[in-house]
């Protein structure tokens, strides 16, 4: 697991990387890497998200990310295996992992 903060959705990630890391660690007890803030849509979109969204657009074919907490499952070989929209919980994703192992 890894986290990639983005401030494109309701300005929910306005802080510095250190402030964001402190917030999520204290409030959500995360233990995975948090990377620098990036953009997931638009002209400044990170190449990582271009790759993820192209490999796994939403069910309606639209690749754009509509809100924070969109999640992608990536195999050890780098293949993008699945996409999960914000309402999908980590617990639900763990159930899905069995299909990809």
C-alpha atoms as a PDB file:
ATOM      1  CA  UNK A   1       0.000   0.000   0.000  1.00  0.00           C
ATOM      2  CA  UNK A   2       1.023   3.588  -0.591  1.00  0.00           C
ATOM      3  CA  UNK A   3      -0.699   6.945  -0.295  1.00  0.00           C
ATOM      4  CA  UNK A   4      -0.483   9.764  -2.810  1.00  0.00           C
ATOM      5  CA  UNK A   5      -2.095  12.931  -1.404  1.00  0.00           C
ATOM      6  CA  UNK A   6      -3.905  15.221  -3.834  1.00  0.00           C
ATOM      7  CA  UNK A   7      -5.390  18.643  -3.154  1.00  0.00           C
ATOM      8  CA  UNK A   8      -7.656  18.671  -6.233  1.00  0.00           C
ATOM      9  CA  UNK A   9     -10.799  17.622  -4.364  1.00  0.00           C
ATOM     10  CA  UNK A  10     -12.281  20.257  -2.072  1.00  0.00           C
ATOM     11  CA  UNK A  11      -8.790  21.373  -0.977  1.00  0.00           C
ATOM     12  CA  UNK A  12      -8.690  18.476   1.502  1.00  0.00           C
ATOM     13  CA  UNK A  13      -4.885  18.118   1.414  1.00  0.00           C
ATOM     14  CA  UNK A  14      -3.583  21.694   1.773  1.00  0.00           C
ATOM     15  CA  UNK A  15      -0.627  20.872   4.037  1.00  0.00           C
ATOM     16  CA  UNK A  16       3.002  20.059   3.474  1.00  0.00           C
ATOM     17  CA  UNK A  17       4.020  16.407   3.100  1.00  0.00           C
ATOM     18  CA  UNK A  18       5.089  16.349   6.766  1.00  0.00           C
ATOM     19  CA  UNK A  19       1.753  17.838   7.913  1.00  0.00           C
ATOM     20  CA  UNK A  20      -0.235  15.369   5.808  1.00  0.00           C
ATOM     21  CA  UNK A  21       1.807  12.417   7.104  1.00  0.00           C
ATOM     22  CA  UNK A  22       1.306  13.559  10.709  1.00  0.00           C
ATOM     23  CA  UNK A  23      -2.452  13.979  10.195  1.00  0.00           C
ATOM     24  CA  UNK A  24      -3.061  10.569   8.618  1.00  0.00           C
ATOM     25  CA  UNK A  25      -0.786   8.796  11.084  1.00  0.00           C
ATOM     26  CA  UNK A  26      -2.485  10.349  14.112  1.00  0.00           C
ATOM     27  CA  UNK A  27      -6.051  10.073  12.801  1.00  0.00           C
ATOM     28  CA  UNK A  28      -5.997   6.849  10.790  1.00  0.00           C
ATOM     29  CA  UNK A  29      -3.011   4.960  12.219  1.00  0.00           C
ATOM     30  CA  UNK A  30      -1.557   4.258   8.769  1.00  0.00           C
ATOM     31  CA  UNK A  31       1.630   2.284   8.406  1.00  0.00           C
ATOM     32  CA  UNK A  32       2.236   2.538   4.659  1.00  0.00           C
ATOM     33  CA  UNK A  33       4.404   5.012   2.721  1.00  0.00           C
ATOM     34  CA  UNK A  34       2.982   8.450   1.975  1.00  0.00           C
ATOM     35  CA  UNK A  35       4.418  10.151  -1.075  1.00  0.00           C
ATOM     36  CA  UNK A  36       4.556  13.789  -2.143  1.00  0.00           C
ATOM     37  CA  UNK A  37       1.329  15.517  -3.115  1.00  0.00           C
ATOM     38  CA  UNK A  38       0.490  15.237  -6.798  1.00  0.00           C
ATOM     39  CA  UNK A  39      -2.287  15.921  -9.294  1.00  0.00           C
ATOM     40  CA  UNK A  40      -4.434  13.058 -10.560  1.00  0.00           C
ATOM     41  CA  UNK A  41      -6.455  14.883 -13.249  1.00  0.00           C
ATOM     42  CA  UNK A  42      -5.840  17.659 -15.738  1.00  0.00           C
ATOM     43  CA  UNK A  43      -2.836  19.340 -17.314  1.00  0.00           C
ATOM     44  CA  UNK A  44      -0.580  18.734 -14.296  1.00  0.00           C
ATOM     45  CA  UNK A  45      -1.575  15.083 -13.955  1.00  0.00           C
ATOM     46  CA  UNK A  46       1.158  12.774 -12.678  1.00  0.00           C
ATOM     47  CA  UNK A  47       2.342  10.197 -15.244  1.00  0.00           C
ATOM     48  CA  UNK A  48       1.618   7.543 -12.606  1.00  0.00           C
ATOM     49  CA  UNK A  49      -2.066   8.467 -12.654  1.00  0.00           C
ATOM     50  CA  UNK A  50      -2.143   8.663 -16.433  1.00  0.00           C
ATOM     51  CA  UNK A  51      -0.969   5.056 -16.453  1.00  0.00           C
ATOM     52  CA  UNK A  52      -3.370   3.910 -13.719  1.00  0.00           C
ATOM     53  CA  UNK A  53      -6.426   5.621 -15.209  1.00  0.00           C
ATOM     54  CA  UNK A  54      -5.685   4.451 -18.743  1.00  0.00           C
ATOM     55  CA  UNK A  55      -5.279   0.865 -17.583  1.00  0.00           C
ATOM     56  CA  UNK A  56      -8.444   0.923 -15.446  1.00  0.00           C
ATOM     57  CA  UNK A  57     -11.029   3.585 -16.288  1.00  0.00           C
ATOM     58  CA  UNK A  58     -14.340   3.672 -14.415  1.00  0.00           C
ATOM     59  CA  UNK A  59     -17.061   1.250 -15.512  1.00  0.00           C
ATOM     60  CA  UNK A  60     -18.555   3.946 -17.768  1.00  0.00           C
ATOM     61  CA  UNK A  61     -15.206   4.348 -19.580  1.00  0.00           C
ATOM     62  CA  UNK A  62     -14.362   7.729 -18.043  1.00  0.00           C
ATOM     63  CA  UNK A  63     -10.814   7.601 -16.674  1.00  0.00           C
ATOM     64  CA  UNK A  64     -10.983  10.677 -14.432  1.00  0.00           C
ATOM     65  CA  UNK A  65     -10.824  10.377 -10.690  1.00  0.00           C
ATOM     66  CA  UNK A  66     -13.905  11.977  -9.147  1.00  0.00           C
ATOM     67  CA  UNK A  67     -12.897  12.165  -5.491  1.00  0.00           C
ATOM     68  CA  UNK A  68     -10.160  11.333  -3.013  1.00  0.00           C
ATOM     69  CA  UNK A  69      -9.712   7.725  -1.955  1.00  0.00           C
ATOM     70  CA  UNK A  70      -9.935   6.163  -5.396  1.00  0.00           C
ATOM     71  CA  UNK A  71      -7.771   3.075  -5.091  1.00  0.00           C
ATOM     72  CA  UNK A  72      -5.889   0.942  -7.605  1.00  0.00           C
ATOM     73  CA  UNK A  73      -4.646  -2.603  -7.144  1.00  0.00           C
ATOM     74  CA  UNK A  74      -1.292  -3.102  -8.859  1.00  0.00           C
ATOM     75  CA  UNK A  75       0.396  -6.478  -9.186  1.00  0.00           C
ATOM     76  CA  UNK A  76       4.004  -7.117  -8.276  1.00  0.00           C
ATOM     77  CA  UNK A  77       4.805  -7.031 -11.984  1.00  0.00           C
ATOM     78  CA  UNK A  78       3.320  -3.528 -12.321  1.00  0.00           C
ATOM     79  CA  UNK A  79       0.106  -4.626 -14.044  1.00  0.00           C
ATOM     80  CA  UNK A  80      -2.895  -2.548 -12.966  1.00  0.00           C
ATOM     81  CA  UNK A  81      -5.315  -5.229 -11.818  1.00  0.00           C
ATOM     82  CA  UNK A  82      -8.321  -3.313 -10.563  1.00  0.00           C
ATOM     83  CA  UNK A  83      -9.785   0.059  -9.633  1.00  0.00           C
ATOM     84  CA  UNK A  84     -11.932   0.816  -6.611  1.00  0.00           C
ATOM     85  CA  UNK A  85     -13.988   3.964  -6.259  1.00  0.00           C
ATOM     86  CA  UNK A  86     -14.014   5.950  -2.975  1.00  0.00           C
ATOM     87  CA  UNK A  87     -16.901   4.125  -1.246  1.00  0.00           C
ATOM     88  CA  UNK A  88     -15.070   0.774  -1.452  1.00  0.00           C
ATOM     89  CA  UNK A  89     -13.402   0.027   1.881  1.00  0.00           C
ATOM     90  CA  UNK A  90      -9.981  -1.557   2.421  1.00  0.00           C
ATOM     91  CA  UNK A  91     -11.791  -4.550   3.914  1.00  0.00           C
ATOM     92  CA  UNK A  92     -13.735  -5.042   0.684  1.00  0.00           C
ATOM     93  CA  UNK A  93     -10.509  -4.782  -1.297  1.00  0.00           C
ATOM     94  CA  UNK A  94      -8.866  -7.449   0.844  1.00  0.00           C
ATOM     95  CA  UNK A  95     -11.679  -9.805  -0.154  1.00  0.00           C
ATOM     96  CA  UNK A  96     -10.949  -9.004  -3.809  1.00  0.00           C
ATOM     97  CA  UNK A  97      -7.247  -9.749  -3.399  1.00  0.00           C
ATOM     98  CA  UNK A  98      -7.948 -13.479  -3.377  1.00  0.00           C
ATOM     99  CA  UNK A  99      -9.099 -13.202  -7.006  1.00  0.00           C
ATOM    100  CA  UNK A 100      -5.748 -11.742  -8.074  1.00  0.00           C
ATOM    101  CA  UNK A 101      -3.327 -13.946  -6.153  1.00  0.00           C
END
